[in-house]
Each structure stands twice: as C-alpha cells, then as structure tokens.
Amino acid sequence: MPQDNITELKKRVPGGKYALARALAERARQLQNGATPLTAVKVANPLSTAIEEILEGKVTFDFKNEEETKAAIANEAAKLLT
C-alpha cells in the first residue's frame, strides 16, 4: 500500500495506528460476513475493499474508550431493570 494511502487512512480514522487496524479489521469482517460493499469492488478481497471505503469517506468509525463503553453498558442495564 502506498505511503500516501496510509497517511490518508490515519487522517480518516482518529486514534492512531491501532485504531486504524481495528477499523480495517472490523469493516473487513463485516464484508466477509456478507455486508454490501459501499464502493466499486476492484478486488474480491474484503481488506482491500475496506481500505477503499475508508479512503473514499464512505465508512467512518467512532471508537469509545473503555470507561465510556462501561458507562453505556451500565446505563442500558439500569434501563432494562427498571
């Protein structure tokens, strides 16, 4: 993958290289499990398709930190119990 693509991907997925890897893996997994590609598929490779989708701005990711996730789960559980 060209260096400009990596730089552009890092701009589109905030949080550094680990968040980028997580975003690409998650979208590739969705595609592999039957999600419809949001871009013209040039190669039948879910990872390549995920990269293209993020580069074209058709997919965005919002990762919550661990504390926000725990708080959201606790709030949902409290709603269900009342």
N, C-alpha and C. Protein backbone atom coordinates (compact mmCIF):
# COMPACT_ATOMS: atom_id res chain seq x y z
N MET A 1 0.85 -1.16 0.00
CA MET A 1 0.00 0.00 0.00
C MET A 1 0.90 1.23 0.00
N PRO A 2 0.61 2.19 -0.87
CA PRO A 2 1.43 3.40 -0.92
C PRO A 2 1.37 4.18 0.39
N GLN A 3 2.44 4.88 0.70
CA GLN A 3 2.53 5.64 1.94
C GLN A 3 1.44 6.71 2.03
N ASP A 4 1.04 7.32 0.86
CA ASP A 4 0.00 8.36 0.92
C ASP A 4 -1.32 7.77 1.40
N ASN A 5 -1.61 6.51 1.02
CA ASN A 5 -2.85 5.88 1.48
C ASN A 5 -2.84 5.70 2.99
N ILE A 6 -1.72 5.31 3.54
CA ILE A 6 -1.63 5.12 4.99
C ILE A 6 -1.83 6.44 5.70
N THR A 7 -1.22 7.49 5.19
CA THR A 7 -1.38 8.82 5.79
C THR A 7 -2.83 9.26 5.72
N GLU A 8 -3.47 9.06 4.60
CA GLU A 8 -4.86 9.44 4.43
C GLU A 8 -5.77 8.61 5.33
N LEU A 9 -5.50 7.33 5.43
CA LEU A 9 -6.30 6.46 6.32
C LEU A 9 -6.18 6.92 7.77
N LYS A 10 -4.98 7.28 8.19
CA LYS A 10 -4.78 7.75 9.57
C LYS A 10 -5.56 9.03 9.83
N LYS A 11 -5.70 9.88 8.81
CA LYS A 11 -6.49 11.11 8.96
C LYS A 11 -7.97 10.79 9.12
N ARG A 12 -8.44 9.77 8.43
CA ARG A 12 -9.86 9.44 8.43
C ARG A 12 -10.30 8.62 9.64
N VAL A 13 -9.34 7.93 10.28
CA VAL A 13 -9.66 7.13 11.46
C VAL A 13 -8.84 7.67 12.62
N PRO A 14 -9.45 8.51 13.46
CA PRO A 14 -8.69 9.08 14.57
C PRO A 14 -8.32 8.03 15.60
N GLY A 15 -7.21 8.24 16.28
CA GLY A 15 -6.84 7.33 17.35
C GLY A 15 -5.54 6.58 17.12
N GLY A 16 -4.87 6.84 16.02
CA GLY A 16 -3.58 6.21 15.80
C GLY A 16 -3.65 4.91 15.01
N LYS A 17 -2.50 4.28 14.90
CA LYS A 17 -2.38 3.10 14.04
C LYS A 17 -3.17 1.90 14.57
N TYR A 18 -3.35 1.80 15.88
CA TYR A 18 -4.09 0.66 16.41
C TYR A 18 -5.59 0.81 16.14
N ALA A 19 -6.09 2.04 16.24
CA ALA A 19 -7.50 2.29 15.90
C ALA A 19 -7.72 2.04 14.41
N LEU A 20 -6.76 2.42 13.59
CA LEU A 20 -6.85 2.17 12.15
C LEU A 20 -6.90 0.68 11.87
N ALA A 21 -6.02 -0.08 12.49
CA ALA A 21 -6.00 -1.54 12.30
C ALA A 21 -7.32 -2.15 12.74
N ARG A 22 -7.85 -1.66 13.86
CA ARG A 22 -9.13 -2.16 14.36
C ARG A 22 -10.27 -1.83 13.40
N ALA A 23 -10.27 -0.61 12.88
CA ALA A 23 -11.32 -0.18 11.94
C ALA A 23 -11.28 -1.02 10.67
N LEU A 24 -10.09 -1.21 10.13
CA LEU A 24 -9.96 -2.01 8.91
C LEU A 24 -10.39 -3.45 9.15
N ALA A 25 -9.97 -4.02 10.27
CA ALA A 25 -10.32 -5.40 10.57
C ALA A 25 -11.83 -5.54 10.76
N GLU A 26 -12.44 -4.60 11.46
CA GLU A 26 -13.87 -4.67 11.71
C GLU A 26 -14.67 -4.57 10.41
N ARG A 27 -14.30 -3.62 9.56
CA ARG A 27 -15.03 -3.47 8.30
C ARG A 27 -14.78 -4.67 7.39
N ALA A 28 -13.57 -5.18 7.33
CA ALA A 28 -13.28 -6.36 6.51
C ALA A 28 -14.08 -7.56 7.01
N ARG A 29 -14.22 -7.69 8.32
CA ARG A 29 -15.02 -8.78 8.90
C ARG A 29 -16.49 -8.63 8.51
N GLN A 30 -17.00 -7.40 8.54
CA GLN A 30 -18.38 -7.15 8.12
C GLN A 30 -18.58 -7.56 6.67
N LEU A 31 -17.64 -7.18 5.82
CA LEU A 31 -17.74 -7.52 4.40
C LEU A 31 -17.66 -9.03 4.19
N GLN A 32 -16.78 -9.68 4.93
CA GLN A 32 -16.62 -11.12 4.81
C GLN A 32 -17.89 -11.85 5.26
N ASN A 33 -18.62 -11.26 6.20
CA ASN A 33 -19.85 -11.86 6.70
C ASN A 33 -21.08 -11.48 5.88
N GLY A 34 -20.87 -10.82 4.75
CA GLY A 34 -21.99 -10.56 3.85
C GLY A 34 -22.46 -9.13 3.72
N ALA A 35 -21.81 -8.17 4.38
CA ALA A 35 -22.19 -6.77 4.25
C ALA A 35 -21.98 -6.32 2.80
N THR A 36 -22.83 -5.43 2.34
CA THR A 36 -22.73 -4.93 0.98
C THR A 36 -21.61 -3.90 0.88
N PRO A 37 -20.69 -4.05 -0.07
CA PRO A 37 -19.63 -3.06 -0.24
C PRO A 37 -20.22 -1.70 -0.63
N LEU A 38 -19.66 -0.64 -0.11
CA LEU A 38 -20.15 0.71 -0.38
C LEU A 38 -19.37 1.39 -1.50
N THR A 39 -18.48 0.66 -2.12
CA THR A 39 -17.68 1.19 -3.21
C THR A 39 -17.57 0.11 -4.29
N ALA A 40 -17.17 0.52 -5.47
CA ALA A 40 -16.98 -0.45 -6.55
C ALA A 40 -15.85 -1.40 -6.16
N VAL A 41 -16.12 -2.69 -6.21
CA VAL A 41 -15.15 -3.69 -5.80
C VAL A 41 -14.20 -3.95 -6.97
N LYS A 42 -12.92 -3.61 -6.75
CA LYS A 42 -11.90 -3.85 -7.78
C LYS A 42 -11.26 -5.21 -7.60
N VAL A 43 -11.12 -5.61 -6.33
CA VAL A 43 -10.51 -6.89 -5.99
C VAL A 43 -11.44 -7.56 -4.98
N ALA A 44 -11.64 -8.85 -5.14
CA ALA A 44 -12.54 -9.57 -4.23
C ALA A 44 -11.86 -9.88 -2.91
N ASN A 45 -11.27 -8.87 -2.29
CA ASN A 45 -10.57 -9.02 -1.03
C ASN A 45 -11.22 -8.06 -0.03
N PRO A 46 -11.81 -8.57 1.05
CA PRO A 46 -12.51 -7.69 1.99
C PRO A 46 -11.62 -6.58 2.57
N LEU A 47 -10.35 -6.87 2.82
CA LEU A 47 -9.47 -5.85 3.38
C LEU A 47 -9.23 -4.72 2.37
N SER A 48 -9.00 -5.06 1.13
CA SER A 48 -8.80 -4.04 0.10
C SER A 48 -10.06 -3.19 -0.07
N THR A 49 -11.22 -3.85 -0.02
CA THR A 49 -12.48 -3.12 -0.14
C THR A 49 -12.66 -2.19 1.05
N ALA A 50 -12.34 -2.65 2.26
CA ALA A 50 -12.44 -1.81 3.46
C ALA A 50 -11.53 -0.59 3.36
N ILE A 51 -10.34 -0.78 2.85
CA ILE A 51 -9.40 0.34 2.67
C ILE A 51 -9.99 1.36 1.72
N GLU A 52 -10.50 0.91 0.59
CA GLU A 52 -11.09 1.82 -0.39
C GLU A 52 -12.28 2.58 0.18
N GLU A 53 -13.13 1.88 0.93
CA GLU A 53 -14.30 2.52 1.52
C GLU A 53 -13.91 3.63 2.49
N ILE A 54 -12.91 3.38 3.30
CA ILE A 54 -12.46 4.39 4.25
C ILE A 54 -11.79 5.55 3.53
N LEU A 55 -10.98 5.24 2.53
CA LEU A 55 -10.32 6.31 1.77
C LEU A 55 -11.33 7.21 1.07
N GLU A 56 -12.42 6.62 0.59
CA GLU A 56 -13.45 7.39 -0.11
C GLU A 56 -14.40 8.09 0.86
N GLY A 57 -14.23 7.85 2.16
CA GLY A 57 -15.07 8.50 3.15
C GLY A 57 -16.46 7.91 3.27
N LYS A 58 -16.66 6.70 2.80
CA LYS A 58 -17.97 6.07 2.84
C LYS A 58 -18.22 5.31 4.14
N VAL A 59 -17.17 5.10 4.91
CA VAL A 59 -17.28 4.41 6.19
C VAL A 59 -16.53 5.24 7.22
N THR A 60 -17.16 5.45 8.37
CA THR A 60 -16.48 6.14 9.46
C THR A 60 -16.57 5.28 10.71
N PHE A 61 -15.68 5.51 11.64
CA PHE A 61 -15.65 4.74 12.87
C PHE A 61 -15.55 5.68 14.05
N ASP A 62 -16.25 5.34 15.11
CA ASP A 62 -16.21 6.11 16.34
C ASP A 62 -15.97 5.13 17.48
N PHE A 63 -14.74 5.03 17.93
CA PHE A 63 -14.40 4.11 19.00
C PHE A 63 -14.51 4.84 20.32
N LYS A 64 -15.26 4.25 21.24
CA LYS A 64 -15.36 4.81 22.58
C LYS A 64 -14.23 4.22 23.41
N ASN A 65 -13.79 5.01 24.39
CA ASN A 65 -12.78 4.44 25.26
C ASN A 65 -13.45 3.47 26.22
N GLU A 66 -12.67 2.75 26.95
CA GLU A 66 -13.19 1.67 27.80
C GLU A 66 -14.15 2.18 28.87
N GLU A 67 -13.85 3.34 29.45
CA GLU A 67 -14.71 3.89 30.50
C GLU A 67 -16.08 4.28 29.93
N GLU A 68 -16.10 4.91 28.75
CA GLU A 68 -17.37 5.28 28.13
C GLU A 68 -18.19 4.05 27.79
N THR A 69 -17.53 3.01 27.34
CA THR A 69 -18.22 1.77 26.99
C THR A 69 -18.85 1.14 28.23
N LYS A 70 -18.10 1.08 29.32
CA LYS A 70 -18.61 0.51 30.56
C LYS A 70 -19.80 1.32 31.07
N ALA A 71 -19.71 2.65 30.99
CA ALA A 71 -20.79 3.52 31.45
C ALA A 71 -22.05 3.32 30.60
N ALA A 72 -21.87 3.20 29.29
CA ALA A 72 -23.01 2.98 28.39
C ALA A 72 -23.69 1.64 28.68
N ILE A 73 -22.91 0.61 28.92
CA ILE A 73 -23.47 -0.71 29.24
C ILE A 73 -24.22 -0.65 30.56
N ALA A 74 -23.64 0.02 31.55
CA ALA A 74 -24.30 0.15 32.86
C ALA A 74 -25.62 0.89 32.73
N ASN A 75 -25.64 1.95 31.93
CA ASN A 75 -26.88 2.72 31.73
C ASN A 75 -27.95 1.88 31.06
N GLU A 76 -27.57 1.11 30.05
CA GLU A 76 -28.54 0.25 29.36
C GLU A 76 -29.07 -0.82 30.29
N ALA A 77 -28.18 -1.39 31.11
CA ALA A 77 -28.62 -2.43 32.06
C ALA A 77 -29.59 -1.83 33.09
N ALA A 78 -29.30 -0.62 33.56
CA ALA A 78 -30.18 0.02 34.53
C ALA A 78 -31.56 0.29 33.93
N LYS A 79 -31.61 0.67 32.66
CA LYS A 79 -32.88 0.92 31.97
C LYS A 79 -33.71 -0.37 31.87
N LEU A 80 -33.02 -1.46 31.59
CA LEU A 80 -33.72 -2.74 31.43
C LEU A 80 -34.27 -3.25 32.76
N LEU A 81 -33.59 -2.93 33.86
CA LEU A 81 -34.02 -3.43 35.16
C LEU A 81 -35.14 -2.59 35.77
N THR A 82 -35.39 -1.41 35.26
CA THR A 82 -36.46 -0.57 35.83
C THR A 82 -37.72 -0.65 35.04
